[in-house]
PDB file of N, CA and C in Angstrom:
ATOM      1  N   MET A   1     204.748 -71.605  -3.687  1.00  0.00           N
ATOM      2  CA  MET A   1     205.564 -71.109  -2.494  1.00  0.00           C
ATOM      3  C   MET A   1     205.178 -69.707  -2.098  1.00  0.00           C
ATOM      4  N   ASN A   2     204.953 -68.809  -3.161  1.00  0.00           N
ATOM      5  CA  ASN A   2     204.462 -67.494  -2.774  1.00  0.00           C
ATOM      6  C   ASN A   2     203.215 -67.362  -1.961  1.00  0.00           C
ATOM      7  N   ALA A   3     202.301 -68.357  -2.368  1.00  0.00           N
ATOM      8  CA  ALA A   3     201.004 -68.316  -1.762  1.00  0.00           C
ATOM      9  C   ALA A   3     201.216 -68.655  -0.350  1.00  0.00           C
ATOM     10  N   ILE A   4     202.051 -69.599  -0.017  1.00  0.00           N
ATOM     11  CA  ILE A   4     202.261 -70.008   1.432  1.00  0.00           C
ATOM     12  C   ILE A   4     202.826 -68.968   2.217  1.00  0.00           C
ATOM     13  N   LYS A   5     203.683 -68.168   1.632  1.00  0.00           N
ATOM     14  CA  LYS A   5     204.458 -66.997   2.201  1.00  0.00           C
ATOM     15  C   LYS A   5     203.404 -65.982   2.483  1.00  0.00           C
ATOM     16  N   MET A   6     202.469 -65.746   1.577  1.00  0.00           N
ATOM     17  CA  MET A   6     201.425 -64.675   1.706  1.00  0.00           C
ATOM     18  C   MET A   6     200.330 -64.996   2.738  1.00  0.00           C
ATOM     19  N   THR A   7     200.035 -66.427   2.863  1.00  0.00           N
ATOM     20  CA  THR A   7     199.107 -66.788   3.845  1.00  0.00           C
ATOM     21  C   THR A   7     199.796 -66.781   5.181  1.00  0.00           C
ATOM     22  N   ILE A   8     201.172 -67.037   5.349  1.00  0.00           N
ATOM     23  CA  ILE A   8     201.629 -66.945   6.717  1.00  0.00           C
ATOM     24  C   ILE A   8     201.669 -65.345   6.984  1.00  0.00           C
ATOM     25  N   ILE A   9     201.947 -64.414   6.079  1.00  0.00           N
ATOM     26  CA  ILE A   9     202.037 -62.916   6.344  1.00  0.00           C
ATOM     27  C   ILE A   9     200.671 -62.446   6.827  1.00  0.00           C
ATOM     28  N   VAL A  10     199.657 -62.967   6.220  1.00  0.00           N
ATOM     29  CA  VAL A  10     198.210 -62.316   6.359  1.00  0.00           C
ATOM     30  C   VAL A  10     197.845 -62.987   7.740  1.00  0.00           C
ATOM     31  N   ALA A  11     198.117 -64.190   7.907  1.00  0.00           N
ATOM     32  CA  ALA A  11     197.695 -64.700   9.215  1.00  0.00           C
ATOM     33  C   ALA A  11     198.328 -64.336  10.375  1.00  0.00           C
ATOM     34  N   THR A  12     199.699 -64.017  10.226  1.00  0.00           N
ATOM     35  CA  THR A  12     200.288 -63.253  11.321  1.00  0.00           C
ATOM     36  C   THR A  12     199.903 -61.790  11.485  1.00  0.00           C
ATOM     37  N   LEU A  13     199.566 -61.128  10.470  1.00  0.00           N
ATOM     38  CA  LEU A  13     199.045 -59.754  10.722  1.00  0.00           C
ATOM     39  C   LEU A  13     197.614 -59.849  11.344  1.00  0.00           C
ATOM     40  N   ALA A  14     196.846 -60.757  10.979  1.00  0.00           N
ATOM     41  CA  ALA A  14     195.419 -60.871  11.501  1.00  0.00           C
ATOM     42  C   ALA A  14     195.575 -61.339  13.083  1.00  0.00           C
ATOM     43  N   VAL A  15     196.464 -62.305  13.374  1.00  0.00           N
ATOM     44  CA  VAL A  15     196.704 -62.402  14.847  1.00  0.00           C
ATOM     45  C   VAL A  15     197.338 -61.316  15.535  1.00  0.00           C
ATOM     46  N   THR A  16     197.973 -60.675  15.149  1.00  0.00           N
ATOM     47  CA  THR A  16     198.557 -59.537  15.708  1.00  0.00           C
ATOM     48  C   THR A  16     197.600 -58.413  16.135  1.00  0.00           C
ATOM     49  N   GLY A  17     196.767 -58.390  14.935  1.00  0.00           N
ATOM     50  CA  GLY A  17     195.817 -57.181  15.133  1.00  0.00           C
ATOM     51  C   GLY A  17     194.728 -57.629  16.136  1.00  0.00           C
ATOM     52  N   LEU A  18     194.350 -58.929  16.265  1.00  0.00           N
ATOM     53  CA  LEU A  18     193.466 -59.279  17.182  1.00  0.00           C
ATOM     54  C   LEU A  18     194.062 -59.354  18.660  1.00  0.00           C
ATOM     55  N   ALA A  19     195.334 -59.599  18.706  1.00  0.00           N
ATOM     56  CA  ALA A  19     196.097 -59.535  20.118  1.00  0.00           C
ATOM     57  C   ALA A  19     195.971 -57.867  20.688  1.00  0.00           C
ATOM     58  N   SER A  20     196.287 -57.122  19.714  1.00  0.00           N
ATOM     59  CA  SER A  20     196.321 -55.783  20.140  1.00  0.00           C
ATOM     60  C   SER A  20     194.902 -55.264  20.451  1.00  0.00           C
ATOM     61  N   ALA A  21     193.918 -55.712  19.643  1.00  0.00           N
ATOM     62  CA  ALA A  21     192.597 -55.177  20.105  1.00  0.00           C
ATOM     63  C   ALA A  21     192.055 -55.661  21.411  1.00  0.00           C
ATOM     64  N   ALA A  22     192.705 -57.001  21.738  1.00  0.00           N
ATOM     65  CA  ALA A  22     192.142 -57.487  23.034  1.00  0.00           C
ATOM     66  C   ALA A  22     192.900 -56.745  24.130  1.00  0.00           C
ATOM     67  N   LEU A  23     193.995 -55.945  24.076  1.00  0.00           N
ATOM     68  CA  LEU A  23     194.582 -55.272  24.895  1.00  0.00           C
ATOM     69  C   LEU A  23     193.835 -53.986  25.175  1.00  0.00           C
ATOM     70  N   ASP A  24     193.147 -53.446  24.344  1.00  0.00           N
ATOM     71  CA  ASP A  24     192.483 -52.105  24.422  1.00  0.00           C
ATOM     72  C   ASP A  24     191.045 -52.302  24.616  1.00  0.00           C
ATOM     73  N   PRO A  25     190.538 -52.089  25.826  1.00  0.00           N
ATOM     74  CA  PRO A  25     188.956 -52.586  26.142  1.00  0.00           C
ATOM     75  C   PRO A  25     188.384 -51.316  25.490  1.00  0.00           C
ATOM     76  N   LEU A  26     187.143 -51.497  25.190  1.00  0.00           N
ATOM     77  CA  LEU A  26     186.300 -50.437  24.776  1.00  0.00           C
ATOM     78  C   LEU A  26     185.840 -49.594  25.997  1.00  0.00           C
ATOM     79  N   THR A  27     186.095 -48.137  25.865  1.00  0.00           N
ATOM     80  CA  THR A  27     185.634 -47.346  27.003  1.00  0.00           C
ATOM     81  C   THR A  27     184.693 -46.312  26.585  1.00  0.00           C
ATOM     82  N   TYR A  28     183.890 -45.832  27.521  1.00  0.00           N
ATOM     83  CA  TYR A  28     183.014 -44.842  27.346  1.00  0.00           C
ATOM     84  C   TYR A  28     183.400 -43.660  28.201  1.00  0.00           C
ATOM     85  N   VAL A  29     183.082 -42.377  27.794  1.00  0.00           N
ATOM     86  CA  VAL A  29     183.355 -41.099  28.636  1.00  0.00           C
ATOM     87  C   VAL A  29     182.055 -40.423  28.693  1.00  0.00           C
ATOM     88  N   VAL A  30     181.508 -40.110  29.957  1.00  0.00           N
ATOM     89  CA  VAL A  30     180.278 -39.596  30.333  1.00  0.00           C
ATOM     90  C   VAL A  30     180.570 -38.244  30.909  1.00  0.00           C
ATOM     91  N   GLU A  31     179.957 -37.006  30.613  1.00  0.00           N
ATOM     92  CA  GLU A  31     180.248 -35.828  31.051  1.00  0.00           C
ATOM     93  C   GLU A  31     179.005 -35.462  32.074  1.00  0.00           C
ATOM     94  N   LEU A  32     179.461 -35.102  33.320  1.00  0.00           N
ATOM     95  CA  LEU A  32     178.595 -34.845  34.505  1.00  0.00           C
ATOM     96  C   LEU A  32     178.793 -33.529  35.019  1.00  0.00           C
ATOM     97  N   GLY A  33     177.623 -32.863  35.436  1.00  0.00           N
ATOM     98  CA  GLY A  33     177.913 -31.718  36.253  1.00  0.00           C
ATOM     99  C   GLY A  33     177.872 -31.987  37.750  1.00  0.00           C
ATOM    100  N   TYR A  34     178.178 -30.969  38.479  1.00  0.00           N
ATOM    101  CA  TYR A  34     178.404 -31.126  39.993  1.00  0.00           C
ATOM    102  C   TYR A  34     176.991 -31.813  40.708  1.00  0.00           C
ATOM    103  N   GLU A  35     176.093 -31.301  40.262  1.00  0.00           N
ATOM    104  CA  GLU A  35     174.585 -31.778  40.610  1.00  0.00           C
ATOM    105  C   GLU A  35     174.463 -33.098  40.678  1.00  0.00           C
ATOM    106  N   SER A  36     175.217 -33.901  39.779  1.00  0.00           N
ATOM    107  CA  SER A  36     175.048 -35.427  39.634  1.00  0.00           C
ATOM    108  C   SER A  36     175.931 -36.217  40.681  1.00  0.00           C
ATOM    109  N   SER A  37     176.643 -35.424  41.820  1.00  0.00           N
ATOM    110  CA  SER A  37     177.240 -35.927  42.824  1.00  0.00           C
ATOM    111  C   SER A  37     178.299 -36.976  42.295  1.00  0.00           C
ATOM    112  N   PRO A  38     179.287 -36.630  41.164  1.00  0.00           N
ATOM    113  CA  PRO A  38     180.107 -37.570  40.600  1.00  0.00           C
ATOM    114  C   PRO A  38     181.456 -38.085  41.647  1.00  0.00           C
ATOM    115  N   VAL A  39     181.572 -37.251  42.727  1.00  0.00           N
ATOM    116  CA  VAL A  39     182.767 -37.822  43.737  1.00  0.00           C
ATOM    117  C   VAL A  39     182.449 -38.669  44.618  1.00  0.00           C
ATOM    118  N   PRO A  40     182.915 -39.870  44.440  1.00  0.00           N
ATOM    119  CA  PRO A  40     182.760 -41.068  45.293  1.00  0.00           C
ATOM    120  C   PRO A  40     183.002 -40.852  46.729  1.00  0.00           C
ATOM    121  N   ALA A  41     182.274 -41.687  47.635  1.00  0.00           N
ATOM    122  CA  ALA A  41     182.467 -41.405  49.004  1.00  0.00           C
ATOM    123  C   ALA A  41     183.833 -42.077  49.541  1.00  0.00           C
ATOM    124  N   HIS A  42     183.998 -43.236  48.784  1.00  0.00           N
ATOM    125  CA  HIS A  42     185.054 -44.228  49.142  1.00  0.00           C
ATOM    126  C   HIS A  42     185.505 -44.912  47.672  1.00  0.00           C
ATOM    127  N   GLU A  43     186.668 -45.666  47.776  1.00  0.00           N
ATOM    128  CA  GLU A  43     187.413 -46.191  46.592  1.00  0.00           C
ATOM    129  C   GLU A  43     186.503 -47.230  46.077  1.00  0.00           C
ATOM    130  N   ALA A  44     185.490 -47.903  46.777  1.00  0.00           N
ATOM    131  CA  ALA A  44     184.675 -48.993  46.163  1.00  0.00           C
ATOM    132  C   ALA A  44     183.280 -48.519  45.908  1.00  0.00           C
ATOM    133  N   ASP A  45     183.069 -47.258  45.871  1.00  0.00           N
ATOM    134  CA  ASP A  45     181.740 -46.585  45.570  1.00  0.00           C
ATOM    135  C   ASP A  45     181.132 -46.943  44.145  1.00  0.00           C
ATOM    136  N   ARG A  46     180.030 -46.729  44.028  1.00  0.00           N
ATOM    137  CA  ARG A  46     179.397 -46.917  42.562  1.00  0.00           C
ATOM    138  C   ARG A  46     178.664 -45.848  42.340  1.00  0.00           C
ATOM    139  N   MET A  47     178.123 -45.645  41.088  1.00  0.00           N
ATOM    140  CA  MET A  47     177.287 -44.616  40.570  1.00  0.00           C
ATOM    141  C   MET A  47     176.627 -45.105  39.341  1.00  0.00           C
ATOM    142  N   THR A  48     175.511 -44.331  39.038  1.00  0.00           N
ATOM    143  CA  THR A  48     174.534 -44.712  37.779  1.00  0.00           C
ATOM    144  C   THR A  48     175.015 -43.551  36.932  1.00  0.00           C
ATOM    145  N   VAL A  49     175.247 -43.881  35.539  1.00  0.00           N
ATOM    146  CA  VAL A  49     175.311 -42.736  34.634  1.00  0.00           C
ATOM    147  C   VAL A  49     174.732 -43.223  33.291  1.00  0.00           C
ATOM    148  N   LYS A  50     174.376 -42.368  32.430  1.00  0.00           N
ATOM    149  CA  LYS A  50     173.794 -42.632  31.158  1.00  0.00           C
ATOM    150  C   LYS A  50     174.627 -41.943  30.177  1.00  0.00           C
ATOM    151  N   ARG A  51     175.219 -42.988  29.138  1.00  0.00           N
ATOM    152  CA  ARG A  51     175.954 -42.576  27.983  1.00  0.00           C
ATOM    153  C   ARG A  51     175.217 -41.586  27.070  1.00  0.00           C
ATOM    154  N   CYS A  52     173.875 -41.679  26.914  1.00  0.00           N
ATOM    155  CA  CYS A  52     173.148 -40.672  26.061  1.00  0.00           C
ATOM    156  C   CYS A  52     171.801 -40.723  26.677  1.00  0.00           C
ATOM    157  N   HIS A  53     170.979 -39.766  25.927  1.00  0.00           N
ATOM    158  CA  HIS A  53     169.612 -39.606  26.606  1.00  0.00           C
ATOM    159  C   HIS A  53     168.639 -40.927  26.277  1.00  0.00           C
ATOM    160  N   ASN A  54     168.857 -41.542  25.373  1.00  0.00           N
ATOM    161  CA  ASN A  54     168.127 -42.734  25.097  1.00  0.00           C
ATOM    162  C   ASN A  54     168.727 -44.111  25.560  1.00  0.00           C
ATOM    163  N   CYS A  55     169.994 -43.981  26.004  1.00  0.00           N
ATOM    164  CA  CYS A  55     170.830 -45.162  26.343  1.00  0.00           C
ATOM    165  C   CYS A  55     170.310 -45.697  27.934  1.00  0.00           C
ATOM    166  N   ALA A  56     170.452 -46.922  27.889  1.00  0.00           N
ATOM    167  CA  ALA A  56     170.236 -47.699  29.209  1.00  0.00           C
ATOM    168  C   ALA A  56     171.366 -47.016  30.223  1.00  0.00           C
ATOM    169  N   GLU A  57     170.839 -47.030  31.643  1.00  0.00           N
ATOM    170  CA  GLU A  57     171.757 -46.811  32.630  1.00  0.00           C
ATOM    171  C   GLU A  57     172.952 -47.662  32.789  1.00  0.00           C
ATOM    172  N   ASP A  58     174.076 -47.278  33.199  1.00  0.00           N
ATOM    173  CA  ASP A  58     175.080 -48.079  33.499  1.00  0.00           C
ATOM    174  C   ASP A  58     175.575 -47.904  35.031  1.00  0.00           C
ATOM    175  N   ASN A  59     175.591 -48.840  35.665  1.00  0.00           N
ATOM    176  CA  ASN A  59     176.113 -48.904  37.236  1.00  0.00           C
ATOM    177  C   ASN A  59     177.490 -49.128  37.264  1.00  0.00           C
ATOM    178  N   VAL A  60     178.293 -48.084  37.168  1.00  0.00           N
ATOM    179  CA  VAL A  60     179.795 -48.182  37.256  1.00  0.00           C
ATOM    180  C   VAL A  60     180.228 -48.188  38.612  1.00  0.00           C
ATOM    181  N   ARG A  61     181.437 -48.665  38.681  1.00  0.00           N
ATOM    182  CA  ARG A  61     182.205 -48.819  40.002  1.00  0.00           C
ATOM    183  C   ARG A  61     183.519 -48.196  40.137  1.00  0.00           C
ATOM    184  N   PHE A  62     183.835 -47.695  41.166  1.00  0.00           N
ATOM    185  CA  PHE A  62     185.317 -47.025  41.324  1.00  0.00           C
ATOM    186  C   PHE A  62     186.063 -48.208  41.986  1.00  0.00           C
ATOM    187  N   SER A  63     187.395 -48.119  41.878  1.00  0.00           N
ATOM    188  CA  SER A  63     188.332 -49.103  42.608  1.00  0.00           C
ATOM    189  C   SER A  63     189.468 -48.396  42.982  1.00  0.00           C
ATOM    190  N   THR A  64     190.431 -49.127  43.598  1.00  0.00           N
ATOM    191  CA  THR A  64     191.812 -48.764  43.805  1.00  0.00           C
ATOM    192  C   THR A  64     192.534 -48.293  42.560  1.00  0.00           C
ATOM    193  N   GLN A  65     192.063 -48.748  41.475  1.00  0.00           N
ATOM    194  CA  GLN A  65     192.652 -48.479  40.249  1.00  0.00           C
ATOM    195  C   GLN A  65     192.227 -47.166  39.553  1.00  0.00           C
ATOM    196  N   THR A  66     191.251 -46.619  40.069  1.00  0.00           N
ATOM    197  CA  THR A  66     190.702 -45.465  39.397  1.00  0.00           C
ATOM    198  C   THR A  66     191.573 -44.412  39.753  1.00  0.00           C
ATOM    199  N   ALA A  67     192.061 -43.717  38.622  1.00  0.00           N
ATOM    200  CA  ALA A  67     192.756 -42.454  38.514  1.00  0.00           C
ATOM    201  C   ALA A  67     191.856 -40.992  38.643  1.00  0.00           C
ATOM    202  N   TYR A  68     192.226 -40.314  39.620  1.00  0.00           N
ATOM    203  CA  TYR A  68     191.548 -39.090  39.862  1.00  0.00           C
ATOM    204  C   TYR A  68     192.305 -38.011  39.305  1.00  0.00           C
ATOM    205  N   ARG A  69     191.977 -37.266  38.475  1.00  0.00           N
ATOM    206  CA  ARG A  69     192.651 -35.995  37.868  1.00  0.00           C
ATOM    207  C   ARG A  69     191.803 -34.649  38.038  1.00  0.00           C
ATOM    208  N   LEU A  70     192.705 -33.632  38.389  1.00  0.00           N
ATOM    209  CA  LEU A  70     192.362 -32.480  38.437  1.00  0.00           C
ATOM    210  C   LEU A  70     192.313 -31.472  37.319  1.00  0.00           C
ATOM    211  N   ASN A  71     192.792 -31.817  36.200  1.00  0.00           N
ATOM    212  CA  ASN A  71     193.063 -30.891  35.212  1.00  0.00           C
ATOM    213  C   ASN A  71     193.028 -31.680  33.886  1.00  0.00           C
ATOM    214  N   GLY A  72     192.139 -32.407  33.340  1.00  0.00           N
ATOM    215  CA  GLY A  72     192.290 -33.107  32.030  1.00  0.00           C
ATOM    216  C   GLY A  72     192.900 -34.505  32.233  1.00  0.00           C
ATOM    217  N   PHE A  73     192.595 -35.168  31.118  1.00  0.00           N
ATOM    218  CA  PHE A  73     192.928 -36.701  31.239  1.00  0.00           C
ATOM    219  C   PHE A  73     194.345 -36.861  31.160  1.00  0.00           C
ATOM    220  N   ASN A  74     195.183 -35.811  30.782  1.00  0.00           N
ATOM    221  CA  ASN A  74     196.737 -36.040  30.684  1.00  0.00           C
ATOM    222  C   ASN A  74     197.214 -35.519  32.093  1.00  0.00           C
ATOM    223  N   SER A  75     196.460 -35.153  32.988  1.00  0.00           N
ATOM    224  CA  SER A  75     197.170 -34.492  34.105  1.00  0.00           C
ATOM    225  C   SER A  75     197.479 -35.628  35.044  1.00  0.00           C
ATOM    226  N   GLN A  76     198.435 -35.317  36.123  1.00  0.00           N
ATOM    227  CA  GLN A  76     198.967 -36.309  37.087  1.00  0.00           C
ATOM    228  C   GLN A  76     197.750 -36.785  37.947  1.00  0.00           C
ATOM    229  N   ALA A  77     197.595 -38.016  38.251  1.00  0.00           N
ATOM    230  CA  ALA A  77     196.591 -38.482  39.063  1.00  0.00           C
ATOM    231  C   ALA A  77     196.769 -38.088  40.560  1.00  0.00           C
ATOM    232  N   VAL A  78     195.781 -37.792  41.219  1.00  0.00           N
ATOM    233  CA  VAL A  78     195.957 -37.523  42.701  1.00  0.00           C
ATOM    234  C   VAL A  78     195.075 -38.522  43.504  1.00  0.00           C
ATOM    235  N   THR A  79     195.265 -38.518  44.717  1.00  0.00           N
ATOM    236  CA  THR A  79     194.317 -39.607  45.548  1.00  0.00           C
ATOM    237  C   THR A  79     193.023 -39.146  45.524  1.00  0.00           C
ATOM    238  N   LEU A  80     192.006 -39.985  45.939  1.00  0.00           N
ATOM    239  CA  LEU A  80     190.630 -39.733  46.075  1.00  0.00           C
ATOM    240  C   LEU A  80     190.460 -38.591  47.031  1.00  0.00           C
ATOM    241  N   LEU A  81     191.150 -38.619  48.372  1.00  0.00           N
ATOM    242  CA  LEU A  81     191.236 -37.592  49.189  1.00  0.00           C
ATOM    243  C   LEU A  81     191.609 -36.106  48.839  1.00  0.00           C
ATOM    244  N   GLU A  82     192.712 -36.085  47.988  1.00  0.00           N
ATOM    245  CA  GLU A  82     193.149 -34.772  47.396  1.00  0.00           C
ATOM    246  C   GLU A  82     192.182 -34.289  46.371  1.00  0.00           C
ATOM    247  N   PHE A  83     191.452 -35.427  45.449  1.00  0.00           N
ATOM    248  CA  PHE A  83     190.388 -34.784  44.615  1.00  0.00           C
ATOM    249  C   PHE A  83     189.209 -34.351  45.445  1.00  0.00           C
ATOM    250  N   SER A  84     188.827 -35.080  46.403  1.00  0.00           N
ATOM    251  CA  SER A  84     187.753 -34.641  47.149  1.00  0.00           C
ATOM    252  C   SER A  84     187.826 -33.105  47.785  1.00  0.00           C
ATOM    253  N   GLN A  85     189.101 -33.010  48.403  1.00  0.00           N
ATOM    254  CA  GLN A  85     189.308 -31.778  48.962  1.00  0.00           C
ATOM    255  C   GLN A  85     189.387 -30.591  48.039  1.00  0.00           C
ATOM    256  N   ALA A  86     190.071 -31.010  46.776  1.00  0.00           N
ATOM    257  CA  ALA A  86     189.997 -29.835  45.846  1.00  0.00           C
ATOM    258  C   ALA A  86     188.624 -29.465  45.266  1.00  0.00           C
ATOM    259  N   VAL A  87     187.828 -30.305  45.239  1.00  0.00           N
ATOM    260  CA  VAL A  87     186.407 -30.015  44.710  1.00  0.00           C
ATOM    261  C   VAL A  87     185.597 -29.315  45.715  1.00  0.00           C
ATOM    262  N   ARG A  88     185.751 -29.629  47.088  1.00  0.00           N
ATOM    263  CA  ARG A  88     185.015 -28.984  48.017  1.00  0.00           C
ATOM    264  C   ARG A  88     185.556 -27.361  48.162  1.00  0.00           C
ATOM    265  N   GLN A  89     186.973 -27.078  47.829  1.00  0.00           N
ATOM    266  CA  GLN A  89     187.261 -25.799  47.963  1.00  0.00           C
ATOM    267  C   GLN A  89     186.986 -24.697  46.816  1.00  0.00           C
ATOM    268  N   ILE A  90     186.225 -25.411  45.779  1.00  0.00           N
ATOM    269  CA  ILE A  90     185.826 -24.387  44.728  1.00  0.00           C
ATOM    270  C   ILE A  90     184.382 -23.973  45.192  1.00  0.00           C
ATOM    271  N   ASP A  91     184.627 -22.547  44.983  1.00  0.00           N
ATOM    272  CA  ASP A  91     183.206 -21.939  45.340  1.00  0.00           C
ATOM    273  C   ASP A  91     182.159 -22.070  44.333  1.00  0.00           C
ATOM    274  N   ASP A  92     182.403 -21.949  43.092  1.00  0.00           N
ATOM    275  CA  ASP A  92     181.287 -21.953  42.153  1.00  0.00           C
ATOM    276  C   ASP A  92     181.255 -23.340  41.606  1.00  0.00           C
ATOM    277  N   LYS A  93     180.520 -24.192  42.086  1.00  0.00           N
ATOM    278  CA  LYS A  93     180.394 -25.395  41.625  1.00  0.00           C
ATOM    279  C   LYS A  93     179.417 -25.703  40.509  1.00  0.00           C
ATOM    280  N   ASP A  94     178.785 -24.631  40.213  1.00  0.00           N
ATOM    281  CA  ASP A  94     177.638 -24.816  39.018  1.00  0.00           C
ATOM    282  C   ASP A  94     178.553 -24.852  37.604  1.00  0.00           C
ATOM    283  N   GLY A  95     179.722 -24.327  37.666  1.00  0.00           N
ATOM    284  CA  GLY A  95     180.650 -24.324  36.592  1.00  0.00           C
ATOM    285  C   GLY A  95     181.543 -25.364  36.308  1.00  0.00           C
ATOM    286  N   LEU A  96     181.281 -26.604  37.326  1.00  0.00           N
ATOM    287  CA  LEU A  96     182.241 -27.915  37.326  1.00  0.00           C
ATOM    288  C   LEU A  96     181.646 -28.737  36.174  1.00  0.00           C
ATOM    289  N   LEU A  97     182.582 -29.331  35.473  1.00  0.00           N
ATOM    290  CA  LEU A  97     182.196 -30.505  34.734  1.00  0.00           C
ATOM    291  C   LEU A  97     183.319 -31.648  35.056  1.00  0.00           C
ATOM    292  N   PHE A  98     182.675 -32.857  35.200  1.00  0.00           N
ATOM    293  CA  PHE A  98     183.318 -34.088  35.635  1.00  0.00           C
ATOM    294  C   PHE A  98     183.294 -35.034  34.344  1.00  0.00           C
ATOM    295  N   TYR A  99     184.266 -35.534  34.004  1.00  0.00           N
ATOM    296  CA  TYR A  99     184.254 -36.519  32.954  1.00  0.00           C
ATOM    297  C   TYR A  99     184.820 -38.172  33.523  1.00  0.00           C
ATOM    298  N   VAL A 100     183.597 -39.066  33.408  1.00  0.00           N
ATOM    299  CA  VAL A 100     183.760 -40.389  33.952  1.00  0.00           C
ATOM    300  C   VAL A 100     184.172 -41.186  32.791  1.00  0.00           C
ATOM    301  N   ARG A 101     185.256 -41.808  32.782  1.00  0.00           N
ATOM    302  CA  ARG A 101     185.641 -42.817  31.790  1.00  0.00           C
ATOM    303  C   ARG A 101     185.756 -44.181  32.358  1.00  0.00           C
ATOM    304  N   PHE A 102     184.987 -45.080  31.740  1.00  0.00           N
ATOM    305  CA  PHE A 102     184.658 -46.479  32.249  1.00  0.00           C
ATOM    306  C   PHE A 102     184.917 -47.415  31.200  1.00  0.00           C
ATOM    307  N   GLU A 103     185.199 -48.616  31.562  1.00  0.00           N
ATOM    308  CA  GLU A 103     185.436 -49.835  30.569  1.00  0.00           C
ATOM    309  C   GLU A 103     183.965 -50.525  30.373  1.00  0.00           C
ATOM    310  N   ALA A 104     183.601 -50.645  29.153  1.00  0.00           N
ATOM    311  CA  ALA A 104     182.306 -51.099  28.636  1.00  0.00           C
ATOM    312  C   ALA A 104     181.898 -52.490  29.244  1.00  0.00           C
ATOM    313  N   ASP A 105     182.848 -53.346  29.303  1.00  0.00           N
ATOM    314  CA  ASP A 105     182.540 -54.660  29.618  1.00  0.00           C
ATOM    315  C   ASP A 105     182.581 -54.977  31.272  1.00  0.00           C
ATOM    316  N   THR A 106     183.536 -54.297  31.877  1.00  0.00           N
ATOM    317  CA  THR A 106     183.604 -54.372  33.427  1.00  0.00           C
ATOM    318  C   THR A 106     183.024 -53.226  34.039  1.00  0.00           C
ATOM    319  N   LYS A 107     182.625 -52.211  33.461  1.00  0.00           N
ATOM    320  CA  LYS A 107     181.996 -51.024  34.035  1.00  0.00           C
ATOM    321  C   LYS A 107     182.722 -50.431  35.063  1.00  0.00           C
ATOM    322  N   LEU A 108     184.078 -50.661  35.043  1.00  0.00           N
ATOM    323  CA  LEU A 108     185.267 -50.264  35.951  1.00  0.00           C
ATOM    324  C   LEU A 108     185.492 -48.694  35.661  1.00  0.00           C
ATOM    325  N   VAL A 109     185.426 -47.749  36.582  1.00  0.00           N
ATOM    326  CA  VAL A 109     185.815 -46.373  36.133  1.00  0.00           C
ATOM    327  C   VAL A 109     187.299 -46.312  36.154  1.00  0.00           C
ATOM    328  N   THR A 110     187.823 -45.948  35.024  1.00  0.00           N
ATOM    329  CA  THR A 110     189.475 -45.960  35.005  1.00  0.00           C
ATOM    330  C   THR A 110     189.754 -44.398  35.236  1.00  0.00           C
ATOM    331  N   ASP A 111     189.120 -43.488  34.983  1.00  0.00           N
ATOM    332  CA  ASP A 111     189.406 -41.989  35.253  1.00  0.00           C
ATOM    333  C   ASP A 111     188.178 -41.224  35.853  1.00  0.00           C
ATOM    334  N   LEU A 112     188.328 -40.432  36.752  1.00  0.00           N
ATOM    335  CA  LEU A 112     187.302 -39.277  36.978  1.00  0.00           C
ATOM    336  C   LEU A 112     188.150 -38.164  36.990  1.00  0.00           C
ATOM    337  N   VAL A 113     187.689 -37.180  36.019  1.00  0.00           N
ATOM    338  CA  VAL A 113     188.332 -35.938  35.630  1.00  0.00           C
ATOM    339  C   VAL A 113     187.770 -34.863  35.923  1.00  0.00           C
ATOM    340  N   LEU A 114     188.149 -33.883  36.609  1.00  0.00           N
ATOM    341  CA  LEU A 114     187.551 -32.402  36.849  1.00  0.00           C
ATOM    342  C   LEU A 114     188.019 -31.479  35.973  1.00  0.00           C
ATOM    343  N   ASN A 115     187.032 -30.816  35.254  1.00  0.00           N
ATOM    344  CA  ASN A 115     187.389 -29.637  34.439  1.00  0.00           C
ATOM    345  C   ASN A 115     186.264 -28.484  34.748  1.00  0.00           C
ATOM    346  N   ARG A 116     186.765 -27.348  34.728  1.00  0.00           N
ATOM    347  CA  ARG A 116     185.825 -26.218  34.922  1.00  0.00           C
ATOM    348  C   ARG A 116     185.037 -25.872  33.558  1.00  0.00           C
ATOM    349  N   ALA A 117     183.754 -25.419  33.469  1.00  0.00           N
ATOM    350  CA  ALA A 117     183.353 -25.117  32.121  1.00  0.00           C
ATOM    351  C   ALA A 117     183.791 -23.808  31.786  1.00  0.00           C
ATOM    352  N   GLU A 118     183.840 -23.800  30.354  1.00  0.00           N
ATOM    353  CA  GLU A 118     184.423 -22.458  29.877  1.00  0.00           C
ATOM    354  C   GLU A 118     183.211 -21.458  29.890  1.00  0.00           C
TER     355      GLU A 118
END
């Protein structure tokens, strides 16, 4: 009887773990400078990024679900128009850093984040 209970508990934990893992897709974050032209022209734009020096290029895509953030990943999302205008208003673009977070399987950009280099 105890073996059956233990089997049920282990199976339940395994299924629960698999279900929660399926809800969290693997994501990558790539850091880019302004010279990479990371600001999309429109919500359905695409861009090519490399996760590392020796990695293959990823052709990632923006969508209406992409969140544009002006001050870190935890900042309030703004519209693409507001994001583009804020970037254009910055005089010293050499000090800008952008973080592109995208899903590994769909190549969908979930966040485009602007940060100034320290």
